[in-house]
Protein backbone atom coordinates (compact mmCIF):
# COMPACT_ATOMS: atom_id res chain seq x y z
CA MET A 1 16.01 -37.26 3.51
CA LYS A 2 12.35 -38.04 3.53
CA LYS A 3 12.14 -38.59 7.13
CA ASN A 4 13.78 -35.47 7.94
CA MET A 5 11.34 -33.67 5.66
CA ASN A 6 8.30 -35.09 7.33
CA LYS A 7 9.70 -34.15 10.80
CA LYS A 8 10.26 -30.67 9.62
CA GLN A 9 6.77 -30.48 8.12
CA PHE A 10 5.44 -31.93 11.37
CA LEU A 11 7.16 -29.20 13.42
CA ILE A 12 6.09 -26.51 11.25
CA SER A 13 2.43 -27.66 11.57
CA ILE A 14 2.76 -27.92 15.33
CA GLY A 15 4.13 -24.43 15.30
CA PHE A 16 1.34 -22.97 13.33
CA CYS A 17 -1.24 -24.92 15.42
CA THR A 18 0.32 -23.42 18.73
CA LEU A 19 0.27 -19.91 16.93
CA SER A 20 -3.36 -20.31 16.06
CA LEU A 21 -4.42 -21.24 19.61
CA ILE A 22 -2.59 -18.27 21.03
CA LEU A 23 -4.18 -15.91 18.59
CA ASN A 24 -7.85 -17.29 19.06
CA ALA A 25 -7.36 -17.82 22.91
CA GLN A 26 -9.75 -14.91 23.55
CA ASN A 27 -12.47 -16.59 21.40
CA GLY A 28 -12.74 -19.73 23.62
CA PRO A 29 -15.02 -20.29 26.35
CA ARG A 30 -15.75 -17.47 28.88
CA ASN A 31 -17.05 -17.71 32.32
CA ASN A 32 -19.78 -14.88 32.41
CA SER A 33 -20.64 -14.96 36.10
CA LYS A 34 -21.59 -11.48 37.34
CA ASN A 35 -19.86 -12.53 40.54
CA PHE A 36 -16.61 -13.44 39.02
CA PRO A 37 -13.96 -13.21 41.85
CA GLU A 38 -10.68 -11.45 41.64
CA ALA A 39 -7.76 -13.14 41.82
CA ILE A 40 -5.47 -12.86 44.85
CA PRO A 41 -1.77 -13.23 44.02
CA THR A 42 0.59 -15.16 46.48
CA ASN A 43 3.82 -14.07 44.80
CA LYS A 44 5.67 -11.72 47.34
CA LYS A 45 7.19 -9.45 44.72
CA VAL A 46 3.82 -8.61 42.81
CA GLN A 47 3.04 -5.13 42.04
CA LEU A 48 -0.96 -4.59 42.07
CA PHE A 49 -1.98 -1.32 40.23
CA ASN A 50 -5.57 -0.47 38.82
CA GLN A 51 -6.04 1.31 35.60
CA THR A 52 -9.08 3.46 35.64
CA LYS A 53 -9.15 5.52 32.24
CA GLU A 54 -10.12 2.78 29.51
CA ILE A 55 -8.17 3.02 26.09
CA TYR A 56 -10.83 1.49 23.82
CA ALA A 57 -10.48 -1.18 21.06
CA LEU A 58 -11.68 0.08 17.81
CA ASN A 59 -13.76 -1.07 14.91
CA TYR A 60 -12.98 0.29 11.68
CA GLN A 61 -16.06 0.47 9.02
CA LYS A 62 -14.62 1.14 5.54
CA ASP A 63 -16.47 3.02 2.82
CA VAL A 64 -19.70 3.79 4.15
CA VAL A 65 -21.89 5.49 1.65
CA TYR A 66 -23.49 8.55 3.38
CA ALA A 67 -24.86 10.15 0.23
CA THR A 68 -24.92 10.21 -3.69
CA LYS A 69 -24.63 13.31 -5.50
CA GLU A 70 -24.29 13.77 -9.10
CA GLY A 71 -23.60 10.10 -9.51
CA VAL A 72 -20.83 10.16 -7.01
CA ASP A 73 -21.09 8.00 -3.96
CA LEU A 74 -19.53 9.84 -1.02
CA LYS A 75 -18.22 7.84 1.82
CA LEU A 76 -17.26 7.90 5.26
CA GLN A 77 -14.28 5.95 7.08
CA ILE A 78 -15.87 5.26 10.43
CA VAL A 79 -13.88 4.12 13.54
CA ASN A 80 -15.99 3.37 16.64
CA PRO A 81 -14.66 2.55 20.24
CA LYS A 82 -15.61 -0.59 21.51
CA PRO A 83 -15.87 -0.55 25.30
CA TYR A 84 -14.96 -3.83 27.09
CA ASP A 85 -18.02 -4.27 29.19
CA GLN A 86 -20.61 -1.44 28.06
CA PRO A 87 -21.67 -2.45 24.43
CA ASN A 88 -24.50 0.14 24.50
CA LYS A 89 -22.43 3.15 25.63
CA THR A 90 -22.60 6.28 23.23
CA PHE A 91 -19.93 8.56 22.55
CA PRO A 92 -19.33 12.14 21.06
CA CYS A 93 -18.57 12.24 17.32
CA ILE A 94 -15.89 13.94 15.54
CA LEU A 95 -16.34 14.32 11.56
CA TYR A 96 -12.99 14.84 9.90
CA VAL A 97 -12.58 16.34 6.55
CA ARG A 98 -8.98 15.67 5.10
CA GLY A 99 -7.52 18.53 3.05
CA SER A 100 -6.59 17.90 -0.75
CA ALA A 101 -6.67 21.58 -2.20
CA TRP A 102 -10.48 20.72 -2.60
CA MET A 103 -9.36 17.92 -5.25
CA LYS A 104 -9.62 14.24 -4.99
CA GLN A 105 -9.00 13.21 -1.33
CA ASN A 106 -7.06 10.22 0.00
CA LEU A 107 -9.55 8.86 2.35
CA TYR A 108 -7.49 6.21 4.13
CA VAL A 109 -4.00 7.79 4.91
CA ASP A 110 -5.45 9.55 8.03
CA VAL A 111 -7.35 6.62 9.45
CA PRO A 112 -4.26 5.55 11.74
CA GLN A 113 -3.58 8.95 13.36
CA ILE A 114 -7.16 10.02 13.72
CA SER A 115 -7.85 6.73 15.32
CA ALA A 116 -5.91 8.19 18.27
CA MET A 117 -8.88 10.23 19.09
CA ALA A 118 -11.26 7.16 18.76
CA LYS A 119 -8.95 5.40 21.36
CA ARG A 120 -9.92 8.30 23.68
CA GLY A 121 -13.63 7.61 23.38
CA TYR A 122 -14.86 9.32 20.23
CA VAL A 123 -16.65 7.99 17.14
CA VAL A 124 -14.66 9.32 14.19
CA ALA A 125 -15.86 9.73 10.77
CA ILE A 126 -13.51 10.82 7.85
CA VAL A 127 -15.54 12.71 5.26
CA GLU A 128 -15.28 12.61 1.45
CA TYR A 129 -16.51 15.68 -0.31
CA ARG A 130 -16.85 16.09 -4.14
CA SER A 131 -13.67 17.27 -5.69
CA SER A 132 -13.52 20.82 -7.36
CA ASP A 133 -13.33 19.19 -10.78
CA VAL A 134 -16.73 17.42 -10.22
CA ALA A 135 -18.44 20.35 -8.18
CA VAL A 136 -17.52 23.75 -7.21
CA PHE A 137 -18.04 25.53 -4.08
CA PRO A 138 -20.43 25.40 -2.03
CA ALA A 139 -20.35 21.64 -2.80
CA GLN A 140 -17.74 20.57 -0.45
CA ARG A 141 -19.52 22.54 2.43
CA ASN A 142 -22.88 21.09 1.56
CA ASP A 143 -21.35 17.52 1.34
CA ALA A 144 -19.90 17.77 4.93
CA ILE A 145 -23.30 19.26 6.12
CA SER A 146 -24.85 16.00 4.70
CA ALA A 147 -22.27 13.88 6.40
CA VAL A 148 -23.16 15.55 9.92
CA LEU A 149 -27.02 14.82 9.23
CA PHE A 150 -26.29 11.31 8.20
CA MET A 151 -24.12 10.60 11.62
CA LYS A 152 -27.00 12.18 13.51
CA GLU A 153 -29.73 10.25 11.66
CA ASN A 154 -27.67 6.96 12.26
CA ALA A 155 -26.52 7.90 15.94
CA GLU A 156 -27.97 4.73 17.56
CA LYS A 157 -26.25 2.51 14.75
CA TYR A 158 -22.99 4.03 15.35
CA HIS A 159 -23.34 4.49 19.19
CA ILE A 160 -23.05 8.24 18.87
CA ASP A 161 -24.31 10.85 21.20
CA ALA A 162 -26.28 12.93 18.79
CA ASN A 163 -26.05 15.89 21.15
CA ASN A 164 -22.27 16.09 20.82
CA ILE A 165 -20.93 16.56 17.33
CA PHE A 166 -17.64 18.20 16.36
CA VAL A 167 -16.27 18.98 12.79
CA TRP A 168 -12.56 18.94 12.22
CA GLY A 169 -10.73 19.60 9.31
CA SER A 170 -7.09 20.17 7.79
CA SER A 171 -6.15 22.79 5.06
CA SER A 172 -9.02 22.88 2.51
CA GLY A 173 -10.84 20.44 4.76
CA ALA A 174 -10.61 22.99 7.57
CA HIS A 175 -12.10 25.49 5.04
CA THR A 176 -14.92 23.09 4.71
CA ALA A 177 -15.25 22.51 8.34
CA LEU A 178 -15.49 26.35 9.07
CA PHE A 179 -18.38 26.55 6.53
CA THR A 180 -20.47 23.99 8.49
CA GLY A 181 -21.18 26.60 11.08
CA LEU A 182 -21.58 29.46 8.75
CA HIS A 183 -24.88 30.24 7.24
CA LEU A 184 -25.27 30.91 3.57
CA LYS A 185 -28.14 32.90 2.07
CA ASP A 186 -30.91 31.04 0.18
CA SER A 187 -32.57 32.53 -3.17
CA GLU A 188 -34.78 34.79 -0.90
CA GLY A 189 -31.87 36.05 0.92
CA LYS A 190 -32.69 34.16 4.29
CA ASN A 191 -29.98 31.99 6.27
CA ASP A 192 -29.96 28.40 5.25
CA THR A 193 -30.48 25.75 7.91
CA LEU A 194 -27.32 24.30 9.59
CA PRO A 195 -27.28 21.08 11.79
CA SER A 196 -26.35 21.89 15.40
CA ILE A 197 -22.56 21.21 16.17
CA ASN A 198 -20.68 22.08 19.29
CA GLY A 199 -17.61 23.18 17.74
CA ILE A 200 -15.09 23.35 14.97
CA ILE A 201 -11.55 22.48 14.88
CA ALA A 202 -9.38 24.15 11.95
CA TYR A 203 -6.01 22.96 11.27
CA TYR A 204 -4.05 25.41 9.01
CA PRO A 205 -7.32 26.68 6.83
CA PRO A 206 -7.41 28.91 3.70
CA THR A 207 -9.88 31.57 5.07
CA ASP A 208 -9.55 34.24 2.55
CA VAL A 209 -9.21 32.78 -0.92
CA LEU A 210 -9.42 36.13 -2.71
CA HIS A 211 -6.29 37.59 -1.04
CA LEU A 212 -4.43 34.18 -0.37
CA LYS A 213 -2.09 34.87 -3.33
CA ASP A 214 -1.03 38.27 -1.85
CA ASP A 215 0.69 36.88 1.00
CA PRO A 216 4.56 37.05 0.11
CA THR A 217 4.95 33.58 1.33
CA ALA A 218 2.07 32.09 -0.81
CA ALA A 219 2.69 29.12 -2.91
CA SER A 220 -0.60 29.35 -4.97
CA LYS A 221 -0.94 32.23 -7.50
CA GLY A 222 -4.79 32.58 -7.55
CA ASP A 223 -5.02 31.97 -11.37
CA GLU A 224 -7.81 29.78 -12.98
CA ASN A 225 -5.59 26.63 -12.31
CA SER A 226 -4.65 27.28 -8.92
CA PRO A 227 -6.62 25.25 -6.21
CA GLU A 228 -8.96 28.40 -5.24
CA GLY A 229 -9.42 29.26 -8.84
CA LEU A 230 -10.73 25.70 -9.50
CA LEU A 231 -12.63 25.92 -6.50
CA ILE A 232 -14.81 28.82 -7.75
CA GLY A 233 -15.13 27.24 -11.36
CA LYS A 234 -11.76 27.37 -12.95
CA ILE A 235 -11.55 31.28 -12.74
CA ALA A 236 -8.83 33.40 -11.50
CA VAL A 237 -9.67 34.99 -8.35
CA TRP A 238 -9.05 38.47 -9.64
CA ASP A 239 -11.77 37.93 -12.45
CA ALA A 240 -14.31 36.75 -10.21
CA PRO A 241 -13.82 38.67 -6.66
CA GLU A 242 -17.16 38.29 -5.58
CA LYS A 243 -17.25 34.48 -6.14
CA ALA A 244 -13.74 34.21 -4.39
CA LYS A 245 -15.30 36.11 -1.36
CA GLU A 246 -18.47 33.79 -1.40
CA ALA A 247 -16.04 30.83 -0.94
CA SER A 248 -14.01 32.58 2.00
CA PRO A 249 -15.12 31.91 5.67
CA LEU A 250 -13.50 35.21 6.62
CA TYR A 251 -16.31 37.34 4.98
CA TYR A 252 -19.21 35.63 6.91
CA ILE A 253 -18.01 36.00 10.35
CA LYS A 254 -19.88 39.34 10.90
CA ASP A 255 -23.24 37.90 10.08
CA ASN A 256 -22.62 34.66 12.06
CA LYS A 257 -21.74 35.88 15.54
CA ASP A 258 -23.36 33.01 16.99
CA MET A 259 -21.08 30.50 15.12
CA PRO A 260 -19.80 27.36 17.10
CA PRO A 261 -16.73 27.76 19.01
CA VAL A 262 -13.52 27.50 17.01
CA PHE A 263 -10.15 25.88 17.68
CA LEU A 264 -7.68 27.43 15.12
CA ALA A 265 -4.16 25.87 14.78
CA HIS A 266 -1.49 26.89 12.13
CA GLY A 267 2.17 26.46 11.83
CA THR A 268 4.53 29.61 11.92
CA LYS A 269 6.41 28.14 8.90
CA ASP A 270 3.33 27.00 6.58
CA ARG A 271 4.83 26.78 3.08
CA VAL A 272 1.56 26.07 1.50
CA VAL A 273 -1.43 28.11 3.39
CA PRO A 274 0.26 31.22 4.74
CA PHE A 275 -0.09 31.45 8.57
CA SER A 276 -1.62 34.93 8.11
CA GLN A 277 -4.97 33.13 6.80
CA SER A 278 -5.56 31.79 10.39
CA ASP A 279 -4.34 34.95 11.83
CA LEU A 280 -6.72 37.26 9.93
CA LEU A 281 -9.52 34.78 10.95
CA ALA A 282 -8.66 35.04 14.59
CA ASN A 283 -8.70 38.72 14.54
CA GLU A 284 -12.19 38.80 12.78
CA LEU A 285 -13.56 36.37 15.38
CA GLU A 286 -12.18 38.61 18.03
CA LYS A 287 -13.55 41.83 16.61
CA ASN A 288 -16.96 40.16 16.47
CA GLY A 289 -17.08 38.60 19.87
CA CYS A 290 -17.03 34.92 18.70
CA GLU A 291 -15.55 32.12 21.05
CA TYR A 292 -12.26 30.76 19.82
CA GLU A 293 -8.92 29.61 20.57
CA PHE A 294 -5.84 30.20 18.39
CA HIS A 295 -2.66 27.99 18.65
CA ALA A 296 0.55 29.04 16.50
CA LEU A 297 2.92 25.91 16.33
CA ARG A 298 6.40 27.40 16.26
CA ASN A 299 8.28 26.26 13.20
CA ALA A 300 5.65 23.84 12.17
CA ASP A 301 5.01 23.43 8.29
CA HIS A 302 1.73 22.43 6.65
CA GLY A 303 0.52 19.27 8.16
CA SER A 304 3.71 18.44 9.81
CA TRP A 305 4.24 16.21 12.75
CA GLN A 306 3.74 19.03 15.39
CA PHE A 307 -0.09 18.67 14.83
CA TRP A 308 -0.37 15.09 15.89
CA THR A 309 1.57 14.96 18.99
CA GLN A 310 -0.09 13.80 22.18
CA GLU A 311 0.32 17.05 23.58
CA MET A 312 -1.67 18.68 20.51
CA LEU A 313 -4.36 16.05 20.80
CA ASP A 314 -4.55 16.99 24.30
CA LYS A 315 -5.29 20.58 23.43
CA VAL A 316 -7.97 19.37 20.99
CA GLU A 317 -9.55 17.07 23.57
CA ALA A 318 -9.71 19.93 25.98
CA PHE A 319 -11.58 21.91 23.54
CA VAL A 320 -13.99 19.22 22.70
CA LEU A 321 -14.45 18.35 26.46
CA LYS A 322 -15.10 22.16 27.32
CA HIS A 323 -17.93 22.31 24.80
CA LEU A 324 -19.81 19.05 25.61
CA ARG A 325 -23.52 19.24 26.17
CA LYS A 326 -25.02 16.96 29.11
């Protein structure tokens, strides 16, 4: 019995060693000759093919603190492409703001799906903002702007092409993303300073928090405990219409006709943020001569799978490529 157990343990040990060798094979010695020859197959049925578009390996940097505000460390989840043979290559950067009804975000749940863009050759950073129970609007917008500035200032460290920065958001994160391209007035009535960004991708954004409740399909009622009520200070929107307008991208377009191009996408069966919110914004962008695209995803719900297909990411990437600066 003991001999059988020893034999079994020996075989298991050999198995683990073999697996370890396989997993670590690429960590072994490497011939780094610049003139390394290409192998020539002798097999008659071999099928040679050449892949020209690299899919990058990725490096995930968790919980990078980009700012501390009101005692809160604000973090980024950064996913970097890792080129096989160009370690100093730089990439456009996409900052992604996850929606949360302006409440506490889950910073990690979108890392896998947003990494699909990193594999295409973009540095992607998921942005944390202060939740509405910590700080009211425009704190979220200001946090996203701070994140943009952080990535620009650390462009070399994260292999970013600082001339090509995009901001992408979903739901309340899309509301925040839109505001990174819209000026607010300072105490003297002058426009504040915004960092240069190439474009904004807004998935199903709330754009008019004053009237969101009026859509017959709206889930939120606009009272003091609603997401939009909490955003403006735990006040019902009808009790503070000016505050609600100040927190609504829709009312800024006429004074921001030079805002960055906008990519809008909204599902026609959205049960959280009514489709009309994006439709209103698209009409306002059109009226004021702003550059935009508007994609209505038929039968798509709030945050549903249709927004993350390869076809949809192709559309997002086409928008990004169109607005790259050389």
